[in-house]
N, C-alpha and C. Protein backbone atom coordinates (compact mmCIF):
# COMPACT_ATOMS: atom_id res chain seq x y z
N MET A 1 175.55 138.45 80.22
CA MET A 1 175.67 138.21 78.80
C MET A 1 175.66 136.71 78.55
N ARG A 2 175.07 136.35 77.43
CA ARG A 2 175.08 134.94 77.06
C ARG A 2 175.12 134.77 75.55
N ILE A 3 175.66 133.64 75.14
CA ILE A 3 175.79 133.31 73.72
C ILE A 3 174.46 132.72 73.25
N VAL A 4 173.93 133.22 72.13
CA VAL A 4 172.67 132.73 71.57
C VAL A 4 172.80 132.62 70.05
N ASP A 5 171.84 131.92 69.46
CA ASP A 5 171.72 131.83 67.99
C ASP A 5 172.99 131.34 67.30
N MET A 6 173.71 130.40 67.93
CA MET A 6 174.93 129.90 67.31
C MET A 6 174.59 128.97 66.15
N THR A 7 175.29 129.20 65.04
CA THR A 7 175.12 128.39 63.84
C THR A 7 176.50 127.98 63.34
N PRO A 8 176.78 126.67 63.31
CA PRO A 8 178.09 126.24 62.77
C PRO A 8 178.21 126.63 61.30
N ILE A 9 179.43 126.93 60.90
CA ILE A 9 179.75 127.22 59.52
C ILE A 9 180.42 125.98 58.94
N TYR A 10 180.07 125.60 57.73
CA TYR A 10 180.71 124.45 57.10
C TYR A 10 182.23 124.62 57.22
N TYR A 11 182.86 123.65 57.82
CA TYR A 11 184.30 123.74 58.09
C TYR A 11 185.10 123.22 56.91
N ASP A 12 185.82 124.14 56.26
CA ASP A 12 186.61 123.77 55.09
C ASP A 12 188.10 123.99 55.33
N GLY A 13 188.48 124.07 56.61
CA GLY A 13 189.88 124.32 56.94
C GLY A 13 190.17 125.78 57.25
N GLY A 14 189.19 126.66 57.04
CA GLY A 14 189.36 128.07 57.35
C GLY A 14 189.24 128.33 58.84
N GLN A 15 189.37 129.58 59.24
CA GLN A 15 189.35 129.92 60.65
C GLN A 15 187.94 130.06 61.22
N ASN A 16 186.98 130.55 60.48
CA ASN A 16 185.63 130.74 60.99
C ASN A 16 184.91 129.40 61.09
N ILE A 17 184.39 129.10 62.28
CA ILE A 17 183.70 127.82 62.44
C ILE A 17 182.26 127.96 62.88
N ALA A 18 181.85 129.17 63.35
CA ALA A 18 180.46 129.38 63.73
C ALA A 18 180.17 130.87 63.78
N ARG A 19 178.88 131.20 63.67
CA ARG A 19 178.39 132.57 63.86
C ARG A 19 177.45 132.53 65.05
N PHE A 20 177.39 133.66 65.78
CA PHE A 20 176.52 133.71 66.95
C PHE A 20 176.21 135.16 67.32
N SER A 21 175.27 135.28 68.24
CA SER A 21 174.90 136.58 68.80
C SER A 21 175.17 136.56 70.29
N ILE A 22 175.19 137.74 70.89
CA ILE A 22 175.38 137.87 72.34
C ILE A 22 174.19 138.65 72.88
N ASP A 23 173.43 138.03 73.80
CA ASP A 23 172.39 138.74 74.53
C ASP A 23 173.07 139.48 75.66
N VAL A 24 173.09 140.78 75.57
CA VAL A 24 173.69 141.61 76.62
C VAL A 24 172.67 141.82 77.73
N SER A 25 171.42 142.03 77.35
CA SER A 25 170.31 142.21 78.28
C SER A 25 169.04 141.83 77.53
N PRO A 26 167.89 141.79 78.22
CA PRO A 26 166.66 141.52 77.47
C PRO A 26 166.36 142.53 76.38
N GLU A 27 166.93 143.72 76.50
CA GLU A 27 166.68 144.78 75.53
C GLU A 27 167.77 144.93 74.48
N LEU A 28 168.90 144.22 74.61
CA LEU A 28 170.02 144.45 73.71
C LEU A 28 170.66 143.13 73.28
N LYS A 29 170.70 142.90 71.97
CA LYS A 29 171.38 141.74 71.39
C LYS A 29 172.38 142.24 70.37
N LEU A 30 173.62 141.76 70.47
CA LEU A 30 174.66 142.07 69.50
C LEU A 30 174.80 140.87 68.56
N THR A 31 174.78 141.12 67.26
CA THR A 31 174.80 140.03 66.29
C THR A 31 176.04 140.11 65.41
N GLY A 32 176.28 139.02 64.68
CA GLY A 32 177.35 139.02 63.69
C GLY A 32 178.71 138.58 64.21
N PHE A 33 178.77 137.99 65.41
CA PHE A 33 180.05 137.51 65.94
C PHE A 33 180.42 136.19 65.29
N ARG A 34 181.72 135.92 65.27
CA ARG A 34 182.22 134.65 64.71
C ARG A 34 183.11 133.96 65.73
N LEU A 35 182.97 132.65 65.81
CA LEU A 35 183.91 131.83 66.58
C LEU A 35 184.95 131.35 65.59
N ARG A 36 186.21 131.56 65.93
CA ARG A 36 187.30 131.22 65.01
C ARG A 36 188.25 130.23 65.68
N ARG A 37 188.79 129.34 64.88
CA ARG A 37 189.80 128.39 65.33
C ARG A 37 191.15 128.97 65.00
N ARG A 38 192.00 129.10 66.03
CA ARG A 38 193.35 129.62 65.80
C ARG A 38 194.24 128.51 65.27
N ARG A 39 195.32 128.89 64.66
CA ARG A 39 196.26 127.91 64.09
C ARG A 39 196.88 127.02 65.15
N ASP A 40 196.97 127.52 66.40
CA ASP A 40 197.56 126.72 67.47
C ASP A 40 196.55 125.75 68.07
N GLY A 41 195.31 125.72 67.53
CA GLY A 41 194.28 124.80 67.99
C GLY A 41 193.32 125.40 68.98
N GLY A 42 193.60 126.58 69.49
CA GLY A 42 192.70 127.26 70.41
C GLY A 42 191.59 127.96 69.65
N HIS A 43 190.82 128.74 70.37
CA HIS A 43 189.71 129.47 69.76
C HIS A 43 189.76 130.95 70.16
N THR A 44 189.10 131.76 69.36
CA THR A 44 188.92 133.17 69.67
C THR A 44 187.60 133.61 69.06
N ILE A 45 187.09 134.74 69.53
CA ILE A 45 185.89 135.28 68.91
C ILE A 45 186.27 136.55 68.16
N ALA A 46 185.49 136.86 67.14
CA ALA A 46 185.72 138.08 66.35
C ALA A 46 184.40 138.85 66.29
N ALA A 47 184.50 140.13 66.61
CA ALA A 47 183.33 140.99 66.55
C ALA A 47 183.01 141.33 65.09
N PRO A 48 181.77 141.71 64.82
CA PRO A 48 181.44 142.15 63.47
C PRO A 48 182.18 143.44 63.14
N ALA A 49 182.29 143.70 61.85
CA ALA A 49 182.99 144.93 61.40
C ALA A 49 182.08 145.71 60.47
N ALA A 50 182.25 147.01 60.48
CA ALA A 50 181.56 147.90 59.55
C ALA A 50 182.61 148.82 58.93
N PHE A 51 182.70 148.83 57.64
CA PHE A 51 183.67 149.65 56.93
C PHE A 51 185.10 149.35 57.41
N GLY A 52 185.37 148.07 57.69
CA GLY A 52 186.70 147.65 58.08
C GLY A 52 187.08 147.91 59.53
N VAL A 53 186.12 148.34 60.35
CA VAL A 53 186.39 148.65 61.75
C VAL A 53 185.53 147.76 62.64
N ARG A 54 186.14 147.12 63.64
CA ARG A 54 185.37 146.29 64.57
C ARG A 54 184.39 147.17 65.32
N VAL A 55 183.17 146.69 65.48
CA VAL A 55 182.11 147.52 66.08
C VAL A 55 181.84 147.18 67.54
N ALA A 56 182.55 146.22 68.10
CA ALA A 56 182.40 145.89 69.51
C ALA A 56 183.78 145.56 70.08
N HIS A 57 184.01 146.06 71.28
CA HIS A 57 185.26 145.78 72.00
C HIS A 57 184.91 145.41 73.43
N PHE A 58 185.66 144.48 74.00
CA PHE A 58 185.40 144.02 75.36
C PHE A 58 186.68 144.09 76.18
N ALA A 59 186.52 144.26 77.48
CA ALA A 59 187.65 144.14 78.39
C ALA A 59 188.19 142.72 78.27
N LEU A 60 189.48 142.53 78.55
CA LEU A 60 190.12 141.23 78.36
C LEU A 60 189.42 140.11 79.12
N ASP A 61 189.05 140.32 80.38
CA ASP A 61 188.37 139.28 81.15
C ASP A 61 187.02 138.92 80.52
N THR A 62 186.29 139.91 80.04
CA THR A 62 185.01 139.66 79.39
C THR A 62 185.22 138.91 78.08
N PHE A 63 186.23 139.32 77.32
CA PHE A 63 186.56 138.65 76.06
C PHE A 63 186.87 137.17 76.29
N ARG A 64 187.68 136.89 77.30
CA ARG A 64 188.03 135.49 77.61
C ARG A 64 186.80 134.69 78.05
N ALA A 65 185.95 135.29 78.86
CA ALA A 65 184.74 134.60 79.31
C ALA A 65 183.79 134.33 78.14
N LEU A 66 183.62 135.32 77.26
CA LEU A 66 182.76 135.11 76.09
C LEU A 66 183.32 134.06 75.14
N THR A 67 184.64 134.04 74.98
CA THR A 67 185.26 133.02 74.14
C THR A 67 185.02 131.64 74.72
N ALA A 68 185.21 131.47 76.03
CA ALA A 68 184.96 130.18 76.68
C ALA A 68 183.50 129.78 76.55
N ASP A 69 182.59 130.72 76.72
CA ASP A 69 181.16 130.43 76.57
C ASP A 69 180.82 130.02 75.13
N ALA A 70 181.41 130.70 74.16
CA ALA A 70 181.16 130.36 72.75
C ALA A 70 181.68 128.97 72.41
N VAL A 71 182.85 128.62 72.92
CA VAL A 71 183.43 127.29 72.67
C VAL A 71 182.53 126.23 73.32
N ALA A 72 182.06 126.49 74.53
CA ALA A 72 181.17 125.55 75.22
C ALA A 72 179.87 125.35 74.45
N GLU A 73 179.29 126.45 73.98
CA GLU A 73 178.05 126.35 73.20
C GLU A 73 178.28 125.59 71.89
N PHE A 74 179.39 125.83 71.26
CA PHE A 74 179.73 125.12 70.02
C PHE A 74 179.85 123.63 70.29
N GLY A 75 180.46 123.27 71.41
CA GLY A 75 180.56 121.86 71.79
C GLY A 75 179.21 121.25 72.05
N ARG A 76 178.29 122.00 72.68
CA ARG A 76 176.94 121.49 72.94
C ARG A 76 176.19 121.20 71.65
N LEU A 77 176.54 121.91 70.58
CA LEU A 77 175.88 121.67 69.29
C LEU A 77 176.35 120.37 68.65
N GLY A 78 177.43 119.78 69.22
CA GLY A 78 177.93 118.52 68.69
C GLY A 78 178.82 118.69 67.47
N ALA A 79 179.34 119.89 67.28
CA ALA A 79 180.22 120.12 66.13
C ALA A 79 181.50 119.32 66.31
N PRO A 80 181.97 118.65 65.26
CA PRO A 80 183.10 117.72 65.39
C PRO A 80 184.45 118.38 65.65
N HIS A 81 184.61 119.67 65.37
CA HIS A 81 185.91 120.30 65.53
C HIS A 81 185.89 121.30 66.70
N ALA A 82 185.11 120.99 67.76
CA ALA A 82 184.96 121.88 68.89
C ALA A 82 185.87 121.51 70.04
N ARG A 83 187.00 120.94 69.77
CA ARG A 83 187.93 120.60 70.86
C ARG A 83 188.89 121.76 71.08
N ASN A 84 189.34 121.90 72.30
CA ASN A 84 190.26 122.99 72.62
C ASN A 84 191.42 122.47 73.42
C-alpha cells in the first residue's frame, strides 16, 4: 500500500490538513482519506464515511504505518504544518 494523490487543505486551525488516496494494489485505489492534526500535535488519518459510517478499517499496525506514510508524504509536499 502507498499514499498517492495527496492534496493539502488550506489550514485554518481545523483538524483536517490534507486529503489523499491509498493504492492498495494496481487494481484497487481507496479515495477520500484525510490527514488530521490532533490537538496534542500528532497526526492521525481518517477514512471516508458514507451515511455516517466509516467505510474502511485497518489493523492497528497497518493504521500506524499508513499514518506515518501520510505524514511523510505531507512533509515532502513542503507543507508548513507537517511537523510531528
